[in-house]
Amino acid sequence: MRTLLRRSRRAFFALVGSAALALGGAVALPGTAQAANILSNPGFESGSLSPWSCTGNLGSVVSSPVHGGSKALAGAASSSDNAQCSQTVQVQPNTTYTLSGWVRGSYVYLGVNGGASTWTTSPSAYSRLSVSFTTGASQTSATIYVHGWYAQGTYYADDISLDGPGGGGGSDTQAPTTPTGLTSTGKTSSSVSLKWNASTDNVGVAAYDVYSGSSQVLSVSGTSATVGGLSPSTGYTFTVKARDAAGNTSGASDSVSVTTDAGSGGGSGFKQAAPYLYEGWGDPPNPSTVMSATGIKWFTMAFVLDSGGCTPAWDGNRALTGGVDQTAINQIRSAGGDIVPSFGGWQGSKLGANCSSASALAGALQKVIDAYSLKAIDMDIENSDEFENEAVQARILTALKTVKANNPGLKTIVTFGTSTTGPTYYGNRLIEQAQSLGANIDVFTVMPFDFGGGSDMYGNTVNAAEGLKAKLKSTFGWDDATAYSHIGISGMNGLSDQQENTTPAIWTQIRDWANSHHIARLAFWAVNRDRPCPGGGVVSNCSGISQNTWQFTSITAGFTG
């Protein structure tokens, strides 16, 4: 965050070849497929995945980028899951079919189980894939799939077509048996985990559709699911139906009613006024002096980076414990306050980009959590190595999900840049991946500065926060109050890198707006700069404007949410 020094990271990938194999052993000349798309929901225009099923619950329907219509499929491939989404359809034996679709992303595959496949890499625009296959002499169903590649980030697919005749003559009309034993296996403030007993079918069960009330919320291939995006302290009633490849659907299972936990991220007590304090730069002040003068209690300590081998260290070179950072933390806690460390930022060697897997990253985060018995952590996700790398986004979110599960009560915060109207493309993907992965992030914090122009810093900040609120509502299904309670604002006091000026009066307006809308977090960069130097420009130890010493910190201390 906070400096324009840019770094890049080399990505590497493993690539496997795909063999095109004819299905079955036809003994007669294959029939000719009629040009009719027999897939259901081929362009995802229904707004849901059904009847597609995606591994790891990593698939979602998005409104951008699309090839046609207003919706498309997004598959958040991770380091351990290629986010394969599939659909089983009835086909006729000994018949040639043509499978095609439009895809976008690094190494996207389209194919049929047990048969032909094709792939392309097209990270910045949609590209058409097409492949033909012939069914076997007795084959009556085929499973079509699309998937990305491990650690290569989110892919997109749209307007998928399987041209040929549907299964006919003696087609399956028998529905699967009704699922039994539906029960809840766990819950949080925003998710409920379910499991049930498998259904049976004369041909085979293709998917299970999960309903909340009368609305279908998930479609999965297995006998368990986690429904995310729920509101805290709210009752939900779930049922499950089984579906076969012919589209026959069972009756609804017995229902199970679950009330989600009280809000753990903003909506029920988590409020944090925590300006940044950086011990590696900008004449760091004594934190106890600042606390005594302003009443501030929390500080965001910057920055934890990678010192090599996925090993956390302050700034990547100061020991995790025993140095100036721990001294500052001890002073803060002795004065009745606490800290949230910030991992990442704009530059340096970052753990999210350099740890080899989500589990390795979770292990690095855990070292810091254990070292300081933390109550909250902040992931400042920026630049092309983390923010603009969707695979790394997913790695970070998965690691946060892991440490949250392993440390009851830990609050997780993600901080990222924004436009004047809300999250950018990569900010939207971050939020969508958080929902898809069930990461249960407590606070999504935007940094409303360095917009590249514009003098209305209050209006720009409010508009950015309102845009974030709208995205959270549409992604998680939250109401206004719940969405606001998951929002954070992290500003820049005085002059920004691009000469935008946030004055004490403007920061007071922003704080008052934050209080009136009951958001979760207010921060700024940085206490080191919270000193006057009118005409001093953008420097590390003062704001570049006329102000009182620690004035922005005093204003921030008045944030109560």
Protein backbone atom coordinates (compact mmCIF):
# COMPACT_ATOMS: atom_id res chain seq x y z
CA MET A 1 0.00 0.00 0.00
CA ARG A 2 1.11 3.52 0.04
CA THR A 3 4.00 3.70 -2.42
CA LEU A 4 4.26 3.47 -6.18
CA LEU A 5 7.29 1.14 -6.28
CA ARG A 6 6.09 -1.77 -8.35
CA ARG A 7 7.28 -5.33 -8.38
CA SER A 8 6.30 -8.31 -10.47
CA ARG A 9 6.23 -12.01 -9.78
CA ARG A 10 6.93 -14.84 -12.16
CA ALA A 11 4.16 -17.41 -12.35
CA PHE A 12 4.80 -21.00 -13.20
CA PHE A 13 2.45 -23.77 -14.12
CA ALA A 14 2.27 -27.45 -14.76
CA LEU A 15 0.56 -28.50 -17.95
CA VAL A 16 -0.67 -31.95 -18.86
CA GLY A 17 -1.68 -33.12 -22.27
CA SER A 18 -5.16 -34.30 -23.10
CA ALA A 19 -5.77 -37.32 -25.24
CA ALA A 20 -8.80 -37.33 -27.54
CA LEU A 21 -10.45 -40.71 -27.21
CA ALA A 22 -13.55 -41.93 -29.01
CA LEU A 23 -16.28 -43.04 -26.66
CA GLY A 24 -17.19 -46.68 -26.67
CA GLY A 25 -16.63 -49.17 -29.47
CA ALA A 26 -19.23 -48.44 -32.12
CA VAL A 27 -19.91 -51.30 -34.50
CA ALA A 28 -22.11 -49.38 -36.90
CA LEU A 29 -21.55 -46.10 -38.68
CA PRO A 30 -22.30 -43.26 -36.28
CA GLY A 31 -25.45 -41.25 -36.69
CA THR A 32 -25.33 -37.57 -37.52
CA ALA A 33 -26.17 -35.18 -34.70
CA GLN A 34 -28.86 -32.68 -35.41
CA ALA A 35 -27.87 -29.08 -34.59
CA ALA A 36 -29.77 -28.66 -31.33
CA ASN A 37 -28.20 -27.73 -28.00
CA ILE A 38 -29.25 -30.34 -25.47
CA LEU A 39 -27.50 -28.74 -22.46
CA SER A 40 -29.60 -27.01 -19.83
CA ASN A 41 -28.69 -23.51 -18.68
CA PRO A 42 -25.90 -23.31 -21.28
CA GLY A 43 -25.32 -19.57 -20.82
CA PHE A 44 -26.02 -19.49 -17.07
CA GLU A 45 -28.75 -16.92 -17.71
CA SER A 46 -30.89 -18.45 -14.96
CA GLY A 47 -28.58 -16.81 -12.47
CA SER A 48 -27.85 -20.13 -10.76
CA LEU A 49 -25.53 -23.02 -11.54
CA SER A 50 -28.22 -25.70 -11.75
CA PRO A 51 -27.97 -28.24 -13.31
CA TRP A 52 -24.18 -27.73 -13.44
CA SER A 53 -22.20 -29.07 -10.48
CA CYS A 54 -18.78 -27.66 -9.56
CA THR A 55 -16.04 -29.32 -7.51
CA GLY A 56 -15.17 -27.70 -4.21
CA ASN A 57 -18.14 -25.33 -4.50
CA LEU A 58 -15.73 -23.20 -6.55
CA GLY A 59 -18.20 -22.27 -9.29
CA SER A 60 -20.37 -19.16 -9.31
CA VAL A 61 -22.50 -17.19 -11.75
CA VAL A 62 -21.18 -13.70 -12.48
CA SER A 63 -22.36 -10.73 -14.50
CA SER A 64 -18.91 -9.78 -15.81
CA PRO A 65 -17.07 -10.66 -17.95
CA VAL A 66 -19.64 -12.37 -20.20
CA HIS A 67 -19.57 -13.54 -23.81
CA GLY A 68 -23.30 -13.37 -24.50
CA GLY A 69 -26.35 -12.43 -22.50
CA SER A 70 -25.90 -11.09 -18.99
CA LYS A 71 -24.36 -14.02 -17.08
CA ALA A 72 -21.38 -16.37 -17.25
CA LEU A 73 -19.72 -19.10 -15.19
CA ALA A 74 -16.69 -18.29 -13.03
CA GLY A 75 -14.58 -21.16 -11.70
CA ALA A 76 -12.13 -20.18 -8.94
CA ALA A 77 -9.40 -22.76 -9.57
CA SER A 78 -7.07 -23.12 -6.59
CA SER A 79 -3.72 -24.79 -5.99
CA SER A 80 -5.55 -28.02 -5.11
CA ASP A 81 -8.75 -27.92 -7.20
CA ASN A 82 -9.21 -27.11 -10.90
CA ALA A 83 -12.84 -25.99 -10.27
CA GLN A 84 -14.38 -28.45 -12.71
CA CYS A 85 -18.04 -27.75 -13.50
CA SER A 86 -20.02 -30.51 -15.19
CA GLN A 87 -23.47 -31.44 -16.44
CA THR A 88 -24.80 -34.91 -17.31
CA VAL A 89 -27.26 -35.24 -20.18
CA GLN A 90 -29.03 -38.04 -22.00
CA VAL A 91 -27.58 -38.93 -25.39
CA GLN A 92 -28.27 -41.48 -28.11
CA PRO A 93 -25.94 -44.41 -28.69
CA ASN A 94 -23.59 -44.52 -31.67
CA THR A 95 -24.06 -40.81 -32.45
CA THR A 96 -21.60 -38.00 -33.14
CA TYR A 97 -21.95 -34.85 -31.02
CA THR A 98 -20.20 -31.49 -31.20
CA LEU A 99 -19.29 -29.77 -27.94
CA SER A 100 -18.36 -26.08 -28.06
CA GLY A 101 -18.18 -23.09 -25.76
CA TRP A 102 -16.59 -19.74 -25.11
CA VAL A 103 -13.94 -19.57 -22.39
CA ARG A 104 -11.58 -17.04 -20.88
CA GLY A 105 -8.61 -17.59 -18.56
CA SER A 106 -5.28 -19.34 -18.24
CA TYR A 107 -5.53 -22.96 -19.41
CA VAL A 108 -9.25 -23.66 -19.67
CA TYR A 109 -10.41 -27.14 -20.68
CA LEU A 110 -13.66 -28.30 -22.31
CA GLY A 111 -14.48 -31.97 -22.76
CA VAL A 112 -16.55 -35.04 -22.02
CA ASN A 113 -15.77 -37.54 -19.25
CA GLY A 114 -13.91 -40.51 -20.62
CA GLY A 115 -13.53 -38.96 -24.03
CA ALA A 116 -12.37 -36.03 -26.08
CA SER A 117 -11.24 -32.70 -24.67
CA THR A 118 -9.57 -29.52 -25.81
CA TRP A 119 -8.03 -26.49 -24.12
CA THR A 120 -6.77 -22.98 -24.68
CA THR A 121 -5.14 -20.12 -22.83
CA SER A 122 -6.92 -16.84 -23.35
CA PRO A 123 -6.53 -14.75 -20.18
CA SER A 124 -7.85 -11.42 -21.44
CA ALA A 125 -10.63 -12.27 -23.93
CA TYR A 126 -13.16 -14.99 -24.66
CA SER A 127 -12.02 -17.69 -27.09
CA ARG A 128 -14.11 -20.46 -28.68
CA LEU A 129 -13.35 -24.13 -28.03
CA SER A 130 -14.88 -26.98 -30.02
CA VAL A 131 -14.47 -30.75 -30.02
CA SER A 132 -16.46 -33.69 -31.39
CA PHE A 133 -16.99 -37.15 -29.95
CA THR A 134 -18.99 -40.26 -30.77
CA THR A 135 -21.04 -42.16 -28.20
CA GLY A 136 -20.69 -45.85 -27.65
CA ALA A 137 -23.03 -48.52 -28.94
CA SER A 138 -25.01 -48.67 -25.68
CA GLN A 139 -24.25 -45.26 -24.22
CA THR A 140 -27.25 -43.24 -23.01
CA SER A 141 -25.64 -40.42 -21.00
CA ALA A 142 -22.59 -38.19 -21.18
CA THR A 143 -21.02 -35.83 -18.67
CA ILE A 144 -19.77 -32.58 -20.16
CA TYR A 145 -17.20 -30.56 -18.22
CA VAL A 146 -15.25 -27.32 -18.22
CA HIS A 147 -12.40 -26.59 -15.84
CA GLY A 148 -9.36 -24.40 -15.27
CA TRP A 149 -5.92 -25.42 -14.14
CA TYR A 150 -4.33 -25.62 -10.72
CA ALA A 151 -3.09 -22.29 -9.32
CA GLN A 152 -3.86 -20.51 -12.59
CA GLY A 153 -6.66 -18.36 -11.21
CA THR A 154 -10.32 -17.94 -12.04
CA TYR A 155 -11.58 -18.97 -15.47
CA TYR A 156 -14.83 -17.99 -17.17
CA ALA A 157 -17.12 -19.96 -19.49
CA ASP A 158 -20.25 -18.97 -21.37
CA ASP A 159 -22.61 -20.15 -24.13
CA ILE A 160 -21.64 -23.81 -23.92
CA SER A 161 -23.35 -26.01 -26.51
CA LEU A 162 -23.68 -29.75 -27.04
CA ASP A 163 -25.20 -30.11 -30.47
CA GLY A 164 -26.99 -33.37 -31.18
CA PRO A 165 -30.14 -35.32 -30.47
CA GLY A 166 -31.24 -35.81 -26.90
CA GLY A 167 -31.82 -39.24 -25.46
CA GLY A 168 -34.93 -40.67 -27.04
CA GLY A 169 -36.91 -43.85 -27.35
CA GLY A 170 -37.29 -45.45 -23.97
CA SER A 171 -35.94 -42.32 -22.29
CA ASP A 172 -35.63 -42.21 -18.53
CA THR A 173 -38.76 -40.98 -16.77
CA GLN A 174 -38.09 -42.38 -13.31
CA ALA A 175 -37.10 -39.87 -10.61
CA PRO A 176 -34.48 -40.64 -7.97
CA THR A 177 -35.56 -41.56 -4.46
CA THR A 178 -36.00 -38.74 -1.98
CA PRO A 179 -32.85 -37.90 0.03
CA THR A 180 -33.03 -38.82 3.71
CA GLY A 181 -31.21 -37.92 6.88
CA LEU A 182 -30.70 -34.23 6.15
CA THR A 183 -28.88 -32.64 9.07
CA SER A 184 -26.71 -29.63 9.84
CA THR A 185 -23.07 -30.42 10.61
CA GLY A 186 -21.95 -26.90 11.49
CA LYS A 187 -22.72 -23.21 11.26
CA THR A 188 -21.16 -19.76 11.49
CA SER A 189 -22.64 -16.29 11.41
CA SER A 190 -22.82 -16.46 7.61
CA SER A 191 -22.90 -20.14 6.62
CA VAL A 192 -24.55 -23.49 7.34
CA SER A 193 -23.03 -26.88 6.52
CA LEU A 194 -25.36 -29.76 5.60
CA LYS A 195 -25.15 -33.47 4.87
CA TRP A 196 -27.64 -36.15 3.82
CA ASN A 197 -27.90 -39.77 2.73
CA ALA A 198 -27.46 -40.63 -0.94
CA SER A 199 -30.48 -41.21 -3.16
CA THR A 200 -30.80 -44.08 -5.65
CA ASP A 201 -31.92 -43.97 -9.27
CA ASN A 202 -32.51 -46.48 -12.04
CA VAL A 203 -29.82 -44.77 -14.16
CA GLY A 204 -27.89 -42.63 -11.71
CA VAL A 205 -28.13 -39.47 -9.61
CA ALA A 206 -26.53 -36.54 -11.40
CA ALA A 207 -26.82 -33.83 -8.72
CA TYR A 208 -28.45 -32.70 -5.52
CA ASP A 209 -30.21 -29.34 -5.40
CA VAL A 210 -30.19 -27.53 -2.06
CA TYR A 211 -33.09 -25.21 -1.24
CA SER A 212 -33.48 -22.47 1.34
CA GLY A 213 -37.22 -22.17 1.67
CA SER A 214 -38.50 -22.25 -1.92
CA SER A 215 -35.27 -20.89 -3.47
CA GLN A 216 -32.56 -23.14 -4.86
CA VAL A 217 -29.21 -21.95 -3.47
CA LEU A 218 -26.74 -24.69 -4.47
CA SER A 219 -26.32 -27.66 -6.78
CA VAL A 220 -23.69 -30.24 -5.79
CA SER A 221 -22.65 -33.69 -6.92
CA GLY A 222 -21.97 -35.15 -3.46
CA THR A 223 -24.00 -35.59 -0.29
CA SER A 224 -22.80 -32.53 1.60
CA ALA A 225 -22.77 -28.78 1.01
CA THR A 226 -22.03 -25.50 2.75
CA VAL A 227 -24.45 -22.66 2.08
CA GLY A 228 -22.71 -19.29 2.45
CA GLY A 229 -23.72 -15.65 2.28
CA LEU A 230 -26.22 -15.89 5.11
CA SER A 231 -27.12 -13.22 7.65
CA PRO A 232 -26.14 -13.47 11.33
CA SER A 233 -28.70 -14.53 13.95
CA THR A 234 -31.19 -15.53 11.26
CA GLY A 235 -33.29 -18.67 10.92
CA TYR A 236 -33.16 -20.69 7.68
CA THR A 237 -34.99 -23.85 6.58
CA PHE A 238 -33.25 -26.17 4.13
CA THR A 239 -34.36 -29.12 1.99
CA VAL A 240 -32.59 -31.20 -0.66
CA LYS A 241 -33.83 -32.80 -3.89
CA ALA A 242 -32.03 -35.39 -6.02
CA ARG A 243 -31.91 -35.04 -9.81
CA ASP A 244 -30.89 -37.45 -12.57
CA ALA A 245 -29.35 -36.80 -15.98
CA ALA A 246 -32.76 -36.76 -17.64
CA GLY A 247 -33.91 -33.94 -15.37
CA ASN A 248 -36.21 -36.10 -13.23
CA THR A 249 -36.32 -34.65 -9.72
CA SER A 250 -37.13 -36.39 -6.47
CA GLY A 251 -39.40 -35.10 -3.79
CA ALA A 252 -37.97 -32.78 -1.17
CA SER A 253 -36.21 -34.25 1.81
CA ASP A 254 -37.40 -33.62 5.32
CA SER A 255 -36.46 -30.06 6.25
CA VAL A 256 -33.85 -28.93 8.75
CA SER A 257 -34.04 -25.50 10.42
CA VAL A 258 -30.89 -23.72 11.54
CA THR A 259 -30.29 -20.30 13.10
CA THR A 260 -26.94 -18.80 12.18
CA ASP A 261 -24.57 -17.58 14.88
CA ALA A 262 -24.50 -13.97 16.01
CA GLY A 263 -22.51 -11.76 13.68
CA SER A 264 -18.80 -12.17 14.25
CA GLY A 265 -17.70 -9.46 11.85
CA GLY A 266 -19.09 -6.01 12.49
CA GLY A 267 -22.75 -6.70 13.01
CA SER A 268 -22.44 -7.72 16.62
CA GLY A 269 -19.75 -5.80 18.44
CA PHE A 270 -16.66 -5.91 16.22
CA LYS A 271 -15.76 -2.25 15.73
CA GLN A 272 -12.18 -1.20 15.15
CA ALA A 273 -10.63 2.26 14.95
CA ALA A 274 -7.07 1.29 14.05
CA PRO A 275 -4.78 3.69 12.17
CA TYR A 276 -1.58 2.28 10.71
CA LEU A 277 1.67 2.45 12.66
CA TYR A 278 4.88 1.53 10.84
CA GLU A 279 8.08 0.88 12.80
CA GLY A 280 10.22 0.60 9.69
CA TRP A 281 9.76 4.09 8.28
CA GLY A 282 8.79 7.70 8.88
CA ASP A 283 10.19 8.55 12.35
CA PRO A 284 7.88 6.17 14.25
CA PRO A 285 6.24 7.86 17.26
CA ASN A 286 6.01 6.35 20.70
CA PRO A 287 2.58 4.67 20.61
CA SER A 288 1.84 5.22 24.29
CA THR A 289 2.38 8.96 23.75
CA VAL A 290 -0.11 8.91 20.87
CA MET A 291 -2.61 6.88 22.89
CA SER A 292 -2.41 9.28 25.83
CA ALA A 293 -2.91 12.31 23.57
CA THR A 294 -5.76 10.92 21.45
CA GLY A 295 -7.59 8.11 23.22
CA ILE A 296 -6.90 5.65 20.39
CA LYS A 297 -6.80 2.00 21.48
CA TRP A 298 -6.05 -0.06 18.37
CA PHE A 299 -3.23 0.22 15.85
CA THR A 300 -2.76 -1.59 12.55
CA MET A 301 0.90 -2.65 12.60
CA ALA A 302 2.57 -2.65 9.18
CA PHE A 303 3.81 -4.84 7.50
CA VAL A 304 4.42 -8.57 7.91
CA LEU A 305 6.26 -9.91 4.84
CA ASP A 306 8.17 -13.01 3.77
CA SER A 307 11.78 -13.25 4.90
CA GLY A 308 12.28 -16.30 2.68
CA GLY A 309 10.81 -19.78 2.69
CA CYS A 310 7.32 -18.59 3.67
CA THR A 311 8.67 -17.26 6.97
CA PRO A 312 6.97 -14.16 8.41
CA ALA A 313 9.01 -11.17 9.56
CA TRP A 314 8.33 -7.47 10.05
CA ASP A 315 9.15 -5.81 6.73
CA GLY A 316 10.65 -9.13 5.70
CA ASN A 317 13.85 -8.42 7.63
CA ARG A 318 13.06 -7.59 11.26
CA ALA A 319 12.60 -10.51 13.64
CA LEU A 320 9.01 -11.43 14.35
CA THR A 321 9.62 -11.10 18.09
CA GLY A 322 12.17 -9.35 20.24
CA GLY A 323 12.67 -6.20 18.15
CA VAL A 324 11.26 -2.70 17.85
CA ASP A 325 7.89 -4.02 16.64
CA GLN A 326 7.38 -6.13 19.73
CA THR A 327 8.49 -3.21 21.90
CA ALA A 328 5.79 -1.04 20.34
CA ILE A 329 3.19 -3.79 20.73
CA ASN A 330 4.12 -4.23 24.39
CA GLN A 331 3.73 -0.47 24.94
CA ILE A 332 0.32 -0.47 23.27
CA ARG A 333 -0.93 -3.39 25.33
CA SER A 334 0.49 -1.96 28.55
CA ALA A 335 -1.57 1.17 27.86
CA GLY A 336 -4.74 -0.91 27.48
CA GLY A 337 -4.77 -1.17 23.70
CA ASP A 338 -4.16 -3.85 21.11
CA ILE A 339 -2.92 -4.35 17.56
CA VAL A 340 -3.90 -5.98 14.31
CA PRO A 341 -0.91 -6.85 12.09
CA SER A 342 -1.19 -6.08 8.39
CA PHE A 343 0.23 -8.68 6.02
CA GLY A 344 1.31 -7.52 2.57
CA GLY A 345 0.97 -3.98 1.27
CA TRP A 346 2.13 -2.51 -2.01
CA GLN A 347 5.75 -3.70 -2.19
CA GLY A 348 8.18 -6.26 -0.86
CA SER A 349 8.18 -10.05 -0.81
CA LYS A 350 4.71 -11.02 0.33
CA LEU A 351 3.64 -14.22 2.02
CA GLY A 352 0.48 -14.56 -0.08
CA ALA A 353 2.47 -14.54 -3.31
CA ASN A 354 5.45 -16.57 -2.12
CA CYS A 355 4.03 -19.30 0.13
CA SER A 356 3.54 -22.36 -2.08
CA SER A 357 0.02 -23.24 -0.98
CA ALA A 358 -2.90 -22.10 1.12
CA SER A 359 -1.90 -24.49 3.90
CA ALA A 360 1.67 -23.12 3.92
CA LEU A 361 0.33 -19.57 4.05
CA ALA A 362 -2.04 -20.51 6.88
CA GLY A 363 0.98 -21.91 8.75
CA ALA A 364 2.84 -18.61 8.33
CA LEU A 365 -0.15 -16.62 9.55
CA GLN A 366 -0.47 -18.96 12.52
CA LYS A 367 3.11 -18.19 13.59
CA VAL A 368 2.20 -14.51 13.94
CA ILE A 369 -1.12 -15.30 15.62
CA ASP A 370 0.66 -17.49 18.16
CA ALA A 371 3.51 -15.00 18.71
CA TYR A 372 1.12 -12.25 19.77
CA SER A 373 -2.10 -14.04 20.79
CA LEU A 374 -3.94 -12.03 18.16
CA LYS A 375 -7.62 -11.18 18.08
CA ALA A 376 -7.61 -10.00 14.44
CA ILE A 377 -5.43 -10.03 11.31
CA ASP A 378 -5.50 -7.84 8.21
CA MET A 379 -4.46 -8.97 4.71
CA ASP A 380 -3.55 -5.87 2.68
CA ILE A 381 -3.91 -7.31 -0.83
CA GLU A 382 -2.35 -5.11 -3.50
CA ASN A 383 -0.41 -4.96 -6.74
CA SER A 384 -0.09 -7.55 -9.52
CA ASP A 385 1.47 -10.25 -7.35
CA GLU A 386 -1.56 -10.60 -5.06
CA PHE A 387 -4.55 -8.39 -5.89
CA GLU A 388 -4.37 -8.88 -9.66
CA ASN A 389 -3.61 -12.60 -9.38
CA GLU A 390 -6.83 -14.49 -8.81
CA ALA A 391 -5.03 -17.71 -7.85
CA VAL A 392 -3.17 -15.84 -5.11
CA GLN A 393 -6.43 -14.19 -4.06
CA ALA A 394 -7.91 -17.65 -3.61
CA ARG A 395 -4.81 -18.84 -1.73
CA ILE A 396 -5.08 -15.93 0.70
CA LEU A 397 -8.82 -16.40 1.24
CA THR A 398 -8.42 -20.15 1.79
CA ALA A 399 -5.64 -19.52 4.31
CA LEU A 400 -7.81 -16.99 6.15
CA LYS A 401 -10.64 -19.52 6.24
CA THR A 402 -8.22 -22.05 7.74
CA VAL A 403 -6.84 -19.84 10.50
CA LYS A 404 -10.32 -18.57 11.34
CA ALA A 405 -11.48 -22.15 11.84
CA ASN A 406 -8.39 -22.96 13.92
CA ASN A 407 -8.59 -19.85 16.12
CA PRO A 408 -12.14 -19.37 17.46
CA GLY A 409 -13.02 -15.70 17.74
CA LEU A 410 -10.28 -14.49 15.38
CA LYS A 411 -11.47 -11.67 13.12
CA THR A 412 -10.26 -11.59 9.52
CA ILE A 413 -9.94 -8.40 7.47
CA VAL A 414 -9.02 -7.95 3.80
CA THR A 415 -7.90 -4.52 2.58
CA PHE A 416 -7.72 -3.56 -1.10
CA GLY A 417 -7.90 -0.62 -3.50
CA THR A 418 -11.06 0.78 -5.02
CA SER A 419 -12.43 3.12 -7.65
CA THR A 420 -14.52 6.18 -6.80
CA THR A 421 -17.68 4.11 -7.35
CA GLY A 422 -16.74 0.88 -5.61
CA PRO A 423 -14.62 -2.22 -6.14
CA THR A 424 -12.74 -2.64 -9.41
CA TYR A 425 -12.77 -5.87 -11.45
CA TYR A 426 -10.23 -7.51 -9.15
CA GLY A 427 -11.99 -6.23 -6.05
CA ASN A 428 -15.22 -7.79 -7.29
CA ARG A 429 -13.40 -11.07 -7.95
CA LEU A 430 -11.95 -10.99 -4.44
CA ILE A 431 -15.43 -10.65 -2.96
CA GLU A 432 -16.89 -13.30 -5.26
CA GLN A 433 -14.10 -15.73 -4.40
CA ALA A 434 -14.62 -15.08 -0.68
CA GLN A 435 -18.26 -16.10 -1.12
CA SER A 436 -17.46 -19.09 -3.32
CA LEU A 437 -14.81 -20.40 -0.92
CA GLY A 438 -16.91 -19.78 2.20
CA ALA A 439 -14.03 -17.75 3.64
CA ASN A 440 -16.33 -15.94 6.11
CA ILE A 441 -14.33 -12.70 6.00
CA ASP A 442 -15.32 -10.32 8.78
CA VAL A 443 -14.44 -7.00 7.16
CA PHE A 444 -13.85 -5.93 3.55
CA THR A 445 -11.85 -2.69 3.79
CA VAL A 446 -11.37 -0.37 0.81
CA MET A 447 -8.64 2.25 0.43
CA PRO A 448 -10.42 5.29 -1.08
CA PHE A 449 -7.46 7.33 -2.32
CA ASP A 450 -4.96 7.40 -5.20
CA PHE A 451 -7.94 7.47 -7.55
CA GLY A 452 -5.92 9.29 -10.18
CA GLY A 453 -7.73 12.58 -9.85
CA GLY A 454 -10.72 14.13 -8.16
CA SER A 455 -10.83 16.61 -5.32
CA ASP A 456 -14.01 15.54 -3.52
CA MET A 457 -12.43 13.11 -1.09
CA TYR A 458 -15.54 12.90 1.11
CA GLY A 459 -17.86 12.23 -1.82
CA ASN A 460 -15.42 9.80 -3.44
CA THR A 461 -14.97 7.90 -0.17
CA VAL A 462 -18.71 7.62 0.48
CA ASN A 463 -19.40 6.57 -3.12
CA ALA A 464 -16.67 3.93 -2.95
CA ALA A 465 -18.08 2.56 0.32
CA GLU A 466 -21.62 2.54 -1.09
CA GLY A 467 -20.36 0.65 -4.14
CA LEU A 468 -18.74 -1.90 -1.84
CA LYS A 469 -22.00 -2.22 0.10
CA ALA A 470 -23.92 -2.90 -3.12
CA LYS A 471 -21.41 -5.59 -4.14
CA LEU A 472 -21.60 -7.29 -0.74
CA LYS A 473 -25.39 -7.28 -0.90
CA SER A 474 -25.54 -8.80 -4.37
CA THR A 475 -22.84 -11.40 -3.66
CA PHE A 476 -23.89 -12.55 -0.18
CA GLY A 477 -27.59 -11.73 -0.22
CA TRP A 478 -27.24 -9.41 2.78
CA ASP A 479 -29.50 -6.51 3.68
CA ASP A 480 -28.11 -2.96 3.97
CA ALA A 481 -27.34 -3.17 7.69
CA THR A 482 -25.47 -6.46 7.41
CA ALA A 483 -23.48 -5.26 4.41
CA TYR A 484 -22.45 -2.04 6.17
CA SER A 485 -21.38 -4.07 9.20
CA HIS A 486 -18.81 -5.88 7.02
CA ILE A 487 -17.29 -2.69 5.54
CA GLY A 488 -14.06 -0.93 6.48
CA ILE A 489 -12.52 2.34 5.23
CA SER A 490 -8.77 2.95 5.23
CA GLY A 491 -7.94 6.47 4.08
CA MET A 492 -4.77 8.52 3.64
CA ASN A 493 -4.43 11.59 5.84
CA GLY A 494 -3.36 14.83 4.21
CA LEU A 495 -1.84 14.52 0.75
CA SER A 496 -2.04 11.21 -1.08
CA ASP A 497 0.54 9.93 -3.58
CA GLN A 498 -1.54 11.66 -6.26
CA GLN A 499 -1.91 14.95 -4.36
CA GLU A 500 -5.50 14.34 -3.25
CA ASN A 501 -6.07 16.22 -0.02
CA THR A 502 -8.01 14.75 2.87
CA THR A 503 -8.15 17.50 5.48
CA PRO A 504 -9.05 17.02 9.15
CA ALA A 505 -12.49 18.47 8.37
CA ILE A 506 -13.04 15.97 5.56
CA TRP A 507 -11.79 13.08 7.71
CA THR A 508 -14.25 14.15 10.41
CA GLN A 509 -17.07 14.00 7.84
CA ILE A 510 -15.93 10.53 6.78
CA ARG A 511 -15.81 9.36 10.40
CA ASP A 512 -19.28 10.71 11.07
CA TRP A 513 -20.62 8.95 7.96
CA ALA A 514 -18.94 5.72 9.11
CA ASN A 515 -20.57 6.02 12.54
CA SER A 516 -24.01 6.80 11.14
CA HIS A 517 -23.88 3.77 8.84
CA HIS A 518 -22.41 1.48 11.52
CA ILE A 519 -19.51 0.15 9.48
CA ALA A 520 -16.94 -2.12 11.14
CA ARG A 521 -13.55 -0.47 10.73
CA LEU A 522 -11.88 2.92 10.24
CA ALA A 523 -8.15 3.31 9.58
CA PHE A 524 -5.75 5.64 7.80
CA TRP A 525 -2.17 5.71 6.54
CA ALA A 526 -0.50 6.56 8.84
CA VAL A 527 0.11 7.71 12.41
CA ASN A 528 3.71 8.33 11.31
CA ARG A 529 2.34 11.03 8.97
CA ASP A 530 -0.11 12.52 11.50
CA ARG A 531 1.99 15.64 11.99
CA PRO A 532 1.90 19.02 10.25
CA CYS A 533 4.21 20.13 7.45
CA PRO A 534 2.26 22.47 5.18
CA GLY A 535 3.92 22.51 1.78
CA GLY A 536 6.00 19.51 2.74
CA GLY A 537 4.60 17.26 0.02
CA VAL A 538 4.04 13.52 0.31
CA VAL A 539 6.58 12.35 2.87
CA SER A 540 6.86 9.63 5.48
CA ASN A 541 6.74 11.61 8.72
CA CYS A 542 4.13 14.34 8.12
CA SER A 543 0.90 14.90 6.19
CA GLY A 544 2.00 17.68 3.84
CA ILE A 545 -0.74 19.99 5.14
CA SER A 546 -1.51 22.26 8.07
CA GLN A 547 -2.96 20.30 11.01
CA ASN A 548 -2.48 19.64 14.70
CA THR A 549 -0.15 16.84 15.77
CA TRP A 550 -2.08 13.55 16.03
CA GLN A 551 -5.25 15.29 14.83
CA PHE A 552 -6.31 12.51 12.43
CA THR A 553 -5.70 9.91 15.14
CA SER A 554 -7.90 11.88 17.56
CA ILE A 555 -10.68 12.05 14.97
CA THR A 556 -10.37 8.32 14.28
CA ALA A 557 -10.59 7.57 18.01
CA GLY A 558 -14.13 8.95 17.82
CA PHE A 559 -15.18 6.10 15.54
CA THR A 560 -17.58 3.84 17.41
CA GLY A 561 -19.49 2.20 14.57
